[in-house]
Structures are given as C-alpha cells and as structure tokens.
Amino acid sequence: MFTVNVFRKIPRELEEAAATSGLSKKRAFRKVVLPLALPGIASGGLIAFLSNLDNFGIPAFLGTPANIRVLSTYIYEQVVGFGPSAFSRAAVLSVILGIIALLGTVLQWFLLRRSRVNETNRSDSTPRIYLSAGKQKLLEASMWIFLLVTSLMPLIAMGALSLISAYGVPFNLENLSLRNYEYVFLTDSKPLTALSNSLQLAFFTMLICLMLGTAMAYLRFKYPDWSTKAAELFTTIPFALPGTVFALCMIFMWLEPVPGWNPGIYGTVWILFIAYVTRFLVLQVRGSYTAFLQIDPSMEEAARTSGASGWVKWRKILLPLLFPGILSGALLVFLMALTELTVSSLLWSSGSETVGVVIFGYEQAGYSTYSTAFSTILVLSILLGGGLFMLIGELWDRKVLKKND
C-alpha cells in the first residue's frame, strides 16, 4: 500500500532519460527508480516489521499448541502466570522489543534522509515493464498459485467450516446448515454488540488519527528538526511495545492517573478508544508522511506567492495530491482497530466486547463453528469495504484528472 503509489508517482520520463543515456533496465532501476521509491519501501517495511514483532493472535493460535513461542506470546504467558517475577520478566522482554523497534526507526530515518521524491506528477498506472508471453504466463501462474495457497484456500476452508453442524463431521449435504449463523446473529447478542463496538471504535479512531496524524506528518515534513523526530519516535513506541504490556500500562495509567483521583475510564469503552488512538497513530503518521514526500515544496510556495490562503492552498493543491496516500494510511488504521485482539483482550469489559474478543472467546470455549461463522461475515465485509475503497480512489483520480484537463 505504501510502495505502489510511490512507484506510480515516479515520472516515466526519468526512466526514459536513463535509457537514452545508455543505462540498462537493471541499472536504471537501481540508480533511478529504487532511490526515489525508497521512502515508501522503508515506511511500509518498518510497519510490517513492527507488526510482526507484536503479532499475538496468529502465533497464539498456531504456535502455542505446537509449543512454538515468540516474544509476544511468551510475554503473555508471563503476565497471565501471575508469578512473583512475572511482570519483571515481561518488562524486560518488552524493553528488548522496544530496542529492536527503535533500531528499525533509526534505519528508516537514515534511508529517508538519503532519498526524497520531489515530483508532483500524477499517478501513472500504465505498465512500464513488458515480458515475453512465456515469462508473463509463468509469472501469472506463480502469483495465482501463491494467492490460492495463502489466501483463498484458508478463506474457503473457513467458510466451509462455518456451514457444518459440528467440527470434525464430514462435509456433505446432510451436515450443512446455517444454524451457526443463526446462533451468532440471532440467538447470541454478543456478536452484534461486539461488531457495533468495533465499527464505532475503528471509525472514530481513524477519524482522530487522520486529523492528528496528518498534522504531525506535515510538521515532520516542514520542520525536520530534533523536536519533530522525537515526536515521531514517541508515537512509534506504543505500536512497538507488545500489546499485552501496552494494555497493562493503560490499566495502571487510567486506574488512578493522579493519586486519589479515579476518572472512571477503566472498565469502559473509553479506555479502548484511548488505547487504539495511542497505538495506531503512528500508522497514519507514516502514511501521511510518505504522501508528503511526494510533494515538491515549490508547489506550496507558489500557492502562497499567488495569494492563496491556508484553506484554499490545502483544498486546491495539497489535498488532491495527498489524498491517495493519506486515505491508505486511514484505511490501515481502520482495519487494524477493527480486528485488534491483543490490547482488547485485557481492556474489554462487559458491554464493550470487540470482534476479536468474541472470536477469541468462541475459540477458547471450543465453539470453532461459531467463530468461523462470525469471521466469515467479517472477512466478506472487509472485502466489500476494500472494493468500495478502490472505487472511491478510482472516482477521485478521475475527478483530479478532469480538473487538470
């Protein structure tokens, strides 16, 4: 998401100029394209790196039964063990993760300092590399096999499991029914409550992060001094910390933020909202900052010289250019908040259950068919939302192109 828009923003004329100067396609990519695309690659890579450091749900479901531990699950085991030194060991492990995350952030800053895209060309989605018919078919077949094995087959298996009466029975017509969906959405009230809570939390988290994260990214872009870099670092730390440790920090903080004063936030949906905004703000900062890197500072200076006010400058010039990158970051925040599990598992209370908590609860209780039914509806909703996002992006591009023409 972060990288593809950067590649499309690189002017085709630069590659043509490199070819005219005698560079091969490989050298042109290494000398011209890659340095310009490096900010998007670094931002996306760091997000993926931190996300995998902190991931709890996947290793908890797949690794724990096989006695395979990662740092996030090991920290969770230490915390729920409630031994005399459980919290001390969890804190030490969280410091290790924090140091690794800081090293990744420093590496990204180094890459961003050495590479900046100052082009304002509109996105170019037409192909730039043409393969022979044989290579093209081989590449397409490989990609489809990869997607089939890693994405489609697990989703199909999950959907099939949601239709059978009990886990382990043969998948035949006699055992197929919609009773699992009936129970999840008509009998049990928790799934719909959780879905409503998660959608509201995700939407308002996205809204706050969109405004605050974009403002922070703009300051980071305009004033790249130690203060803005330090602010970016502090927004990265909550995301880099293990979710269980971060949740415990939120509990200790909001139980009694001032000695003798309990604001009543813990045990309500508000602590989830505060935790989500704090944890996912860096995603919007990264996405917006990468978008700002695509804008030539002379564009803003030209608008100011022409007498455009602050709002006119943003509405007429900056927002049309920034919209795809900013919206990608906002969508990532929304999806992360919608499907979050680790923090929610320690902060939820009665009436504030989230989607992840309910699915996790079904699995822990052994109701796999209920969890797959709820998960199937969630996946289909996300796919529908993704299609709507692509449609909005396409309509926006057409609107911008029409105005430019």
Protein backbone atom coordinates (compact mmCIF):
# COMPACT_ATOMS: atom_id res chain seq x y z
CA MET A 1 0.00 0.00 0.00
CA PHE A 2 2.78 2.40 0.86
CA THR A 3 5.06 1.40 -2.02
CA VAL A 4 2.79 1.00 -5.02
CA ASN A 5 1.70 4.64 -5.01
CA VAL A 6 5.33 5.76 -4.83
CA PHE A 7 6.26 3.69 -7.88
CA ARG A 8 3.32 5.13 -9.80
CA LYS A 9 4.36 8.69 -8.90
CA ILE A 10 7.87 8.32 -10.36
CA PRO A 11 7.85 10.12 -13.73
CA ARG A 12 8.21 7.83 -16.70
CA GLU A 13 10.47 10.48 -18.30
CA LEU A 14 13.20 9.74 -15.76
CA GLU A 15 13.35 6.10 -16.81
CA GLU A 16 13.32 7.11 -20.48
CA ALA A 17 16.13 9.57 -19.86
CA ALA A 18 18.15 6.84 -18.15
CA ALA A 19 17.61 4.52 -21.11
CA THR A 20 18.61 7.28 -23.53
CA SER A 21 21.81 7.80 -21.54
CA GLY A 22 22.74 4.18 -22.12
CA LEU A 23 21.66 2.58 -18.86
CA SER A 24 20.23 -0.92 -18.95
CA LYS A 25 16.86 -1.59 -17.36
CA LYS A 26 18.50 -3.14 -14.30
CA ARG A 27 20.88 -0.21 -13.78
CA ALA A 28 18.10 2.30 -14.40
CA PHE A 29 16.00 0.62 -11.73
CA ARG A 30 18.93 0.58 -9.28
CA LYS A 31 20.15 4.11 -10.00
CA VAL A 32 16.88 5.98 -10.66
CA VAL A 33 13.72 4.15 -9.62
CA LEU A 34 14.84 2.49 -6.39
CA PRO A 35 16.28 5.64 -4.73
CA LEU A 36 13.06 7.53 -5.46
CA ALA A 37 10.86 4.69 -4.18
CA LEU A 38 12.95 4.09 -1.06
CA PRO A 39 10.82 6.25 1.32
CA GLY A 40 7.67 4.26 0.58
CA ILE A 41 9.53 0.95 0.79
CA ALA A 42 11.12 1.93 4.12
CA SER A 43 7.83 3.12 5.64
CA GLY A 44 5.92 0.02 4.59
CA GLY A 45 8.78 -2.26 5.62
CA LEU A 46 9.01 -0.74 9.08
CA ILE A 47 5.27 -1.10 9.64
CA ALA A 48 5.42 -4.76 8.58
CA PHE A 49 8.46 -5.31 10.81
CA LEU A 50 6.82 -3.81 13.89
CA SER A 51 3.52 -5.56 13.19
CA ASN A 52 5.21 -8.95 13.11
CA LEU A 53 7.18 -8.20 16.27
CA ASP A 54 3.96 -7.52 18.14
CA ASN A 55 1.65 -10.06 16.50
CA PHE A 56 -0.12 -12.13 19.12
CA GLY A 57 -3.20 -13.74 17.59
CA ILE A 58 -1.55 -15.79 14.84
CA PRO A 59 1.30 -17.28 16.94
CA ALA A 60 -1.10 -17.83 19.86
CA PHE A 61 -3.47 -19.94 17.73
CA LEU A 62 -0.88 -21.68 15.53
CA GLY A 63 2.29 -21.73 17.61
CA THR A 64 1.15 -22.36 21.18
CA PRO A 65 -0.39 -25.81 20.51
CA ALA A 66 2.93 -26.87 18.95
CA ASN A 67 4.93 -25.33 21.82
CA ILE A 68 6.40 -22.69 19.48
CA ARG A 69 6.81 -19.37 21.25
CA VAL A 70 7.56 -15.87 20.03
CA LEU A 71 8.23 -12.89 22.23
CA SER A 72 4.63 -11.64 22.22
CA THR A 73 3.14 -14.98 23.30
CA TYR A 74 5.91 -15.55 25.84
CA ILE A 75 5.21 -12.15 27.40
CA TYR A 76 1.51 -13.01 27.55
CA GLU A 77 2.32 -16.29 29.31
CA GLN A 78 4.44 -14.43 31.85
CA VAL A 79 1.71 -11.90 32.57
CA VAL A 80 -1.14 -14.38 32.96
CA GLY A 81 1.09 -16.61 35.12
CA PHE A 82 0.98 -14.03 37.94
CA GLY A 83 4.22 -15.32 39.47
CA PRO A 84 6.34 -13.24 41.83
CA SER A 85 8.57 -12.04 38.98
CA ALA A 86 6.09 -12.28 36.11
CA PHE A 87 5.76 -8.55 35.49
CA SER A 88 9.52 -8.02 35.80
CA ARG A 89 10.27 -10.62 33.15
CA ALA A 90 7.54 -9.21 30.89
CA ALA A 91 9.02 -5.72 31.28
CA VAL A 92 12.50 -6.96 30.33
CA LEU A 93 11.16 -8.66 27.21
CA SER A 94 9.21 -5.55 26.26
CA VAL A 95 12.38 -3.47 26.55
CA ILE A 96 14.07 -5.85 24.11
CA LEU A 97 11.25 -5.35 21.62
CA GLY A 98 11.39 -1.59 22.13
CA ILE A 99 15.12 -1.50 21.36
CA ILE A 100 14.61 -3.53 18.18
CA ALA A 101 11.83 -1.16 17.12
CA LEU A 102 13.99 1.90 17.79
CA LEU A 103 16.78 0.42 15.67
CA GLY A 104 14.29 -0.08 12.85
CA THR A 105 13.11 3.53 13.19
CA VAL A 106 16.68 4.85 13.08
CA LEU A 107 17.32 2.83 9.93
CA GLN A 108 14.23 4.29 8.30
CA TRP A 109 15.26 7.84 9.18
CA PHE A 110 18.65 7.16 7.61
CA LEU A 111 17.04 5.91 4.42
CA LEU A 112 14.59 8.83 4.26
CA ARG A 113 17.39 11.35 4.77
CA ARG A 114 19.28 9.95 1.79
CA SER A 115 16.29 9.72 -0.50
CA ARG A 116 13.36 12.04 -1.25
CA VAL A 117 10.81 12.16 -4.02
CA ASN A 118 10.17 15.75 -5.07
CA GLU A 119 7.96 15.02 -8.04
CA THR A 120 4.30 16.05 -8.22
CA ASN A 121 3.41 14.09 -11.34
CA ARG A 122 0.05 12.41 -11.19
CA SER A 123 -0.18 8.68 -10.61
CA ASP A 124 0.68 6.64 -13.71
CA SER A 125 -0.78 3.13 -13.57
CA THR A 126 0.14 2.03 -17.10
CA PRO A 127 2.68 -0.84 -17.40
CA ARG A 128 6.36 0.06 -17.57
CA ILE A 129 7.86 -3.42 -17.92
CA TYR A 130 6.79 -5.79 -20.67
CA LEU A 131 7.56 -9.50 -20.51
CA SER A 132 7.54 -12.13 -23.17
CA ALA A 133 4.44 -14.28 -23.45
CA GLY A 134 6.12 -17.27 -21.78
CA LYS A 135 7.52 -15.28 -18.85
CA GLN A 136 4.22 -13.48 -18.40
CA LYS A 137 2.23 -16.73 -18.20
CA LEU A 138 4.78 -18.22 -15.79
CA LEU A 139 4.63 -15.15 -13.53
CA GLU A 140 0.83 -15.04 -13.59
CA ALA A 141 0.58 -18.75 -12.78
CA SER A 142 3.04 -18.40 -9.90
CA MET A 143 1.15 -15.45 -8.43
CA TRP A 144 -2.21 -17.20 -8.70
CA ILE A 145 -0.84 -20.34 -7.04
CA PHE A 146 0.66 -18.22 -4.26
CA LEU A 147 -2.63 -16.36 -3.68
CA LEU A 148 -4.62 -19.60 -3.85
CA VAL A 149 -2.49 -21.33 -1.20
CA THR A 150 -2.01 -18.39 1.17
CA SER A 151 -5.34 -16.55 0.92
CA LEU A 152 -8.16 -18.20 -1.00
CA MET A 153 -7.87 -21.78 0.31
CA PRO A 154 -7.83 -20.77 4.01
CA LEU A 155 -10.83 -18.49 3.45
CA ILE A 156 -12.71 -21.23 1.60
CA ALA A 157 -11.89 -23.70 4.38
CA MET A 158 -13.13 -21.24 7.00
CA GLY A 159 -16.35 -20.61 5.09
CA ALA A 160 -16.92 -24.35 4.67
CA LEU A 161 -16.37 -25.00 8.38
CA SER A 162 -18.94 -22.33 9.25
CA LEU A 163 -21.63 -24.30 7.39
CA ILE A 164 -21.23 -27.70 9.07
CA SER A 165 -23.13 -28.66 12.19
CA ALA A 166 -20.08 -29.60 14.28
CA TYR A 167 -16.33 -29.53 13.93
CA GLY A 168 -14.94 -32.82 12.60
CA VAL A 169 -18.06 -34.17 10.87
CA PRO A 170 -17.85 -34.92 7.12
CA PHE A 171 -18.52 -32.07 4.73
CA ASN A 172 -21.60 -33.37 2.97
CA LEU A 173 -25.10 -32.13 2.28
CA GLU A 174 -26.60 -33.75 5.36
CA ASN A 175 -24.31 -31.82 7.71
CA LEU A 176 -24.67 -28.40 6.05
CA SER A 177 -26.87 -25.71 7.57
CA LEU A 178 -27.00 -22.05 8.54
CA ARG A 179 -27.54 -22.76 12.22
CA ASN A 180 -24.14 -21.35 13.17
CA TYR A 181 -25.02 -18.02 11.56
CA GLU A 182 -28.44 -18.13 13.18
CA TYR A 183 -26.88 -18.59 16.61
CA VAL A 184 -24.22 -15.92 16.10
CA PHE A 185 -26.52 -13.19 14.76
CA LEU A 186 -29.96 -14.08 16.11
CA THR A 187 -29.52 -16.05 19.32
CA ASP A 188 -26.36 -14.69 20.93
CA SER A 189 -26.41 -10.90 21.41
CA LYS A 190 -22.67 -10.53 21.95
CA PRO A 191 -21.51 -10.72 18.29
CA LEU A 192 -23.74 -7.86 17.10
CA THR A 193 -22.80 -5.78 20.14
CA ALA A 194 -19.13 -6.51 19.50
CA LEU A 195 -19.48 -5.65 15.82
CA SER A 196 -21.13 -2.34 16.68
CA ASN A 197 -18.46 -1.55 19.26
CA SER A 198 -15.62 -2.42 16.88
CA LEU A 199 -17.06 -0.40 13.99
CA GLN A 200 -17.56 2.67 16.18
CA LEU A 201 -14.13 2.35 17.77
CA ALA A 202 -12.47 1.83 14.38
CA PHE A 203 -14.27 4.76 12.75
CA PHE A 204 -13.59 7.31 15.48
CA THR A 205 -10.02 6.05 15.90
CA MET A 206 -9.49 6.50 12.17
CA LEU A 207 -11.02 9.99 12.30
CA ILE A 208 -8.84 11.20 15.17
CA CYS A 209 -5.69 9.60 13.75
CA LEU A 210 -6.47 11.04 10.31
CA MET A 211 -6.53 14.61 11.63
CA LEU A 212 -3.83 14.35 14.28
CA GLY A 213 -1.52 12.04 12.32
CA THR A 214 -1.68 14.14 9.15
CA ALA A 215 -0.94 17.30 11.16
CA MET A 216 2.07 15.62 12.80
CA ALA A 217 3.30 14.34 9.43
CA TYR A 218 3.01 17.85 7.98
CA LEU A 219 5.08 19.30 10.82
CA ARG A 220 7.59 16.48 10.42
CA PHE A 221 7.82 17.26 6.70
CA LYS A 222 8.03 21.04 7.06
CA TYR A 223 10.29 21.17 10.13
CA PRO A 224 12.56 18.09 10.12
CA ASP A 225 14.39 19.03 13.32
CA TRP A 226 15.00 17.12 16.54
CA SER A 227 11.62 18.01 18.06
CA THR A 228 9.51 16.55 15.25
CA LYS A 229 11.76 13.50 15.07
CA ALA A 230 11.35 12.99 18.81
CA ALA A 231 7.57 13.31 18.47
CA GLU A 232 7.59 10.68 15.74
CA LEU A 233 9.67 8.42 17.95
CA PHE A 234 7.21 8.71 20.84
CA THR A 235 4.29 7.83 18.55
CA THR A 236 6.20 4.74 17.39
CA ILE A 237 6.87 3.35 20.88
CA PRO A 238 3.21 2.40 21.73
CA PHE A 239 2.97 0.47 18.47
CA ALA A 240 6.33 -1.22 19.01
CA LEU A 241 5.54 -2.37 22.54
CA PRO A 242 3.93 -5.79 22.96
CA GLY A 243 0.17 -5.43 23.09
CA THR A 244 -0.12 -7.14 26.46
CA VAL A 245 2.44 -4.85 28.07
CA PHE A 246 0.89 -1.78 26.47
CA ALA A 247 -2.54 -2.82 27.77
CA LEU A 248 -1.14 -3.19 31.29
CA CYS A 249 0.40 0.28 31.01
CA MET A 250 -3.01 1.66 30.03
CA ILE A 251 -4.63 -0.07 33.01
CA PHE A 252 -2.11 1.29 35.51
CA MET A 253 -2.32 4.74 33.95
CA TRP A 254 -6.10 5.15 33.89
CA LEU A 255 -6.94 3.37 37.12
CA GLU A 256 -5.57 6.35 39.02
CA PRO A 257 -3.72 8.84 36.78
CA VAL A 258 -3.48 11.28 39.71
CA PRO A 259 -3.16 9.89 43.25
CA GLY A 260 -6.57 9.88 44.87
CA TRP A 261 -8.49 10.55 41.63
CA ASN A 262 -10.19 7.84 39.56
CA PRO A 263 -11.69 9.28 36.34
CA GLY A 264 -13.76 6.15 35.77
CA ILE A 265 -12.26 5.39 32.36
CA TYR A 266 -11.03 1.89 33.14
CA GLY A 267 -13.77 -0.66 32.64
CA THR A 268 -15.48 1.40 29.92
CA VAL A 269 -15.21 1.60 26.15
CA TRP A 270 -13.26 4.87 26.52
CA ILE A 271 -10.08 3.12 27.60
CA LEU A 272 -10.23 1.05 24.41
CA PHE A 273 -10.65 4.20 22.35
CA ILE A 274 -7.68 5.91 24.04
CA ALA A 275 -5.56 2.77 23.62
CA TYR A 276 -6.44 2.44 19.92
CA VAL A 277 -5.64 6.07 19.12
CA THR A 278 -2.37 5.93 21.03
CA ARG A 279 -1.33 2.64 19.48
CA PHE A 280 -2.30 3.21 15.83
CA LEU A 281 -1.48 6.90 15.45
CA VAL A 282 1.93 6.06 14.01
CA LEU A 283 0.30 4.23 11.08
CA GLN A 284 -1.36 7.44 9.93
CA VAL A 285 1.80 9.47 10.57
CA ARG A 286 3.80 7.09 8.37
CA GLY A 287 1.21 7.03 5.62
CA SER A 288 0.73 10.80 5.56
CA TYR A 289 4.46 11.50 5.79
CA THR A 290 5.13 9.24 2.81
CA ALA A 291 2.43 11.15 0.91
CA PHE A 292 4.02 14.49 1.82
CA LEU A 293 7.35 13.27 0.46
CA GLN A 294 5.75 13.17 -2.98
CA ILE A 295 5.05 16.92 -2.99
CA ASP A 296 7.57 19.44 -4.22
CA PRO A 297 7.88 22.27 -1.65
CA SER A 298 7.78 24.74 -4.53
CA MET A 299 4.11 23.88 -5.05
CA GLU A 300 3.21 25.25 -1.64
CA GLU A 301 5.48 28.24 -2.13
CA ALA A 302 3.86 29.01 -5.49
CA ALA A 303 0.41 28.89 -3.91
CA ARG A 304 1.47 31.25 -1.16
CA THR A 305 3.05 33.62 -3.70
CA SER A 306 -0.17 33.60 -5.70
CA GLY A 307 -2.09 34.77 -2.64
CA ALA A 308 -3.84 31.51 -1.78
CA SER A 309 -4.96 31.35 1.83
CA GLY A 310 -4.27 28.34 4.05
CA TRP A 311 -7.60 26.63 3.39
CA VAL A 312 -7.55 27.34 -0.35
CA LYS A 313 -3.98 26.03 -0.59
CA TRP A 314 -4.95 22.77 1.09
CA ARG A 315 -8.23 22.33 -0.77
CA LYS A 316 -6.99 23.19 -4.27
CA ILE A 317 -3.41 21.90 -4.25
CA LEU A 318 -2.27 19.78 -1.32
CA LEU A 319 -5.30 17.58 -0.59
CA PRO A 320 -5.79 16.37 -4.20
CA LEU A 321 -2.14 15.31 -4.29
CA LEU A 322 -2.11 13.83 -0.78
CA PHE A 323 -5.49 12.12 -0.81
CA PRO A 324 -4.46 8.62 -2.03
CA GLY A 325 -1.57 8.28 0.44
CA ILE A 326 -3.47 9.72 3.39
CA LEU A 327 -6.53 7.58 2.69
CA SER A 328 -4.36 4.44 2.51
CA GLY A 329 -2.99 5.19 5.98
CA ALA A 330 -6.50 5.87 7.31
CA LEU A 331 -7.78 2.57 5.89
CA LEU A 332 -4.90 0.73 7.55
CA VAL A 333 -5.76 2.36 10.90
CA PHE A 334 -9.42 1.38 10.47
CA LEU A 335 -8.64 -2.26 9.69
CA MET A 336 -6.10 -2.58 12.50
CA ALA A 337 -8.57 -1.13 15.02
CA LEU A 338 -11.44 -3.24 13.68
CA THR A 339 -9.56 -6.56 14.02
CA GLU A 340 -7.43 -5.76 17.09
CA LEU A 341 -7.22 -8.53 19.69
CA THR A 342 -4.18 -8.31 21.97
CA VAL A 343 -4.91 -4.98 23.68
CA SER A 344 -8.65 -5.59 23.71
CA SER A 345 -8.28 -8.96 25.44
CA LEU A 346 -7.01 -7.19 28.57
CA LEU A 347 -9.01 -3.95 28.40
CA TRP A 348 -12.51 -5.09 27.45
CA SER A 349 -15.34 -5.13 29.95
CA SER A 350 -18.96 -6.23 29.93
CA GLY A 351 -20.75 -4.36 27.17
CA SER A 352 -17.52 -3.24 25.44
CA GLU A 353 -16.56 -6.52 23.79
CA THR A 354 -14.91 -6.22 20.39
CA VAL A 355 -14.93 -8.51 17.37
CA GLY A 356 -11.55 -10.01 18.23
CA VAL A 357 -12.56 -10.71 21.83
CA VAL A 358 -15.75 -12.53 20.82
CA ILE A 359 -13.99 -14.67 18.20
CA PHE A 360 -11.20 -15.44 20.65
CA GLY A 361 -13.78 -16.35 23.29
CA TYR A 362 -15.58 -18.73 20.93
CA GLU A 363 -12.31 -20.46 20.09
CA GLN A 364 -11.24 -20.71 23.72
CA ALA A 365 -14.61 -22.28 24.58
CA GLY A 366 -14.30 -24.79 21.74
CA TYR A 367 -17.04 -23.30 19.52
CA SER A 368 -14.99 -23.24 16.32
CA THR A 369 -18.05 -23.29 14.06
CA TYR A 370 -19.41 -20.15 15.72
CA SER A 371 -16.09 -18.34 15.45
CA THR A 372 -15.74 -19.27 11.76
CA ALA A 373 -19.28 -18.09 11.02
CA PHE A 374 -18.62 -14.72 12.63
CA SER A 375 -15.18 -14.50 10.98
CA THR A 376 -16.61 -15.29 7.54
CA ILE A 377 -19.05 -12.39 7.75
CA LEU A 378 -16.24 -10.14 8.96
CA VAL A 379 -13.95 -11.14 6.06
CA LEU A 380 -16.69 -10.60 3.49
CA SER A 381 -17.38 -7.16 4.98
CA ILE A 382 -13.69 -6.25 4.79
CA LEU A 383 -13.53 -7.38 1.16
CA LEU A 384 -16.61 -5.31 0.38
CA GLY A 385 -15.06 -2.31 2.12
CA GLY A 386 -11.83 -2.82 0.18
CA GLY A 387 -13.76 -2.80 -3.08
CA LEU A 388 -15.53 0.39 -2.02
CA PHE A 389 -12.16 1.96 -1.16
CA MET A 390 -10.80 1.11 -4.62
CA LEU A 391 -13.93 2.57 -6.23
CA ILE A 392 -13.57 5.81 -4.26
CA GLY A 393 -9.91 6.02 -5.27
CA GLU A 394 -10.79 5.50 -8.91
CA LEU A 395 -13.50 8.17 -8.81
CA TRP A 396 -11.09 10.57 -7.08
CA ASP A 397 -8.42 10.00 -9.73
CA ARG A 398 -10.94 10.70 -12.47
CA LYS A 399 -12.05 13.87 -10.71
CA VAL A 400 -8.45 15.09 -10.37
CA LEU A 401 -7.66 14.22 -13.99
CA LYS A 402 -10.79 16.04 -15.17
CA LYS A 403 -9.81 19.17 -13.25
CA ASN A 404 -6.26 19.05 -14.61
CA ASP A 405 -7.53 18.66 -18.16
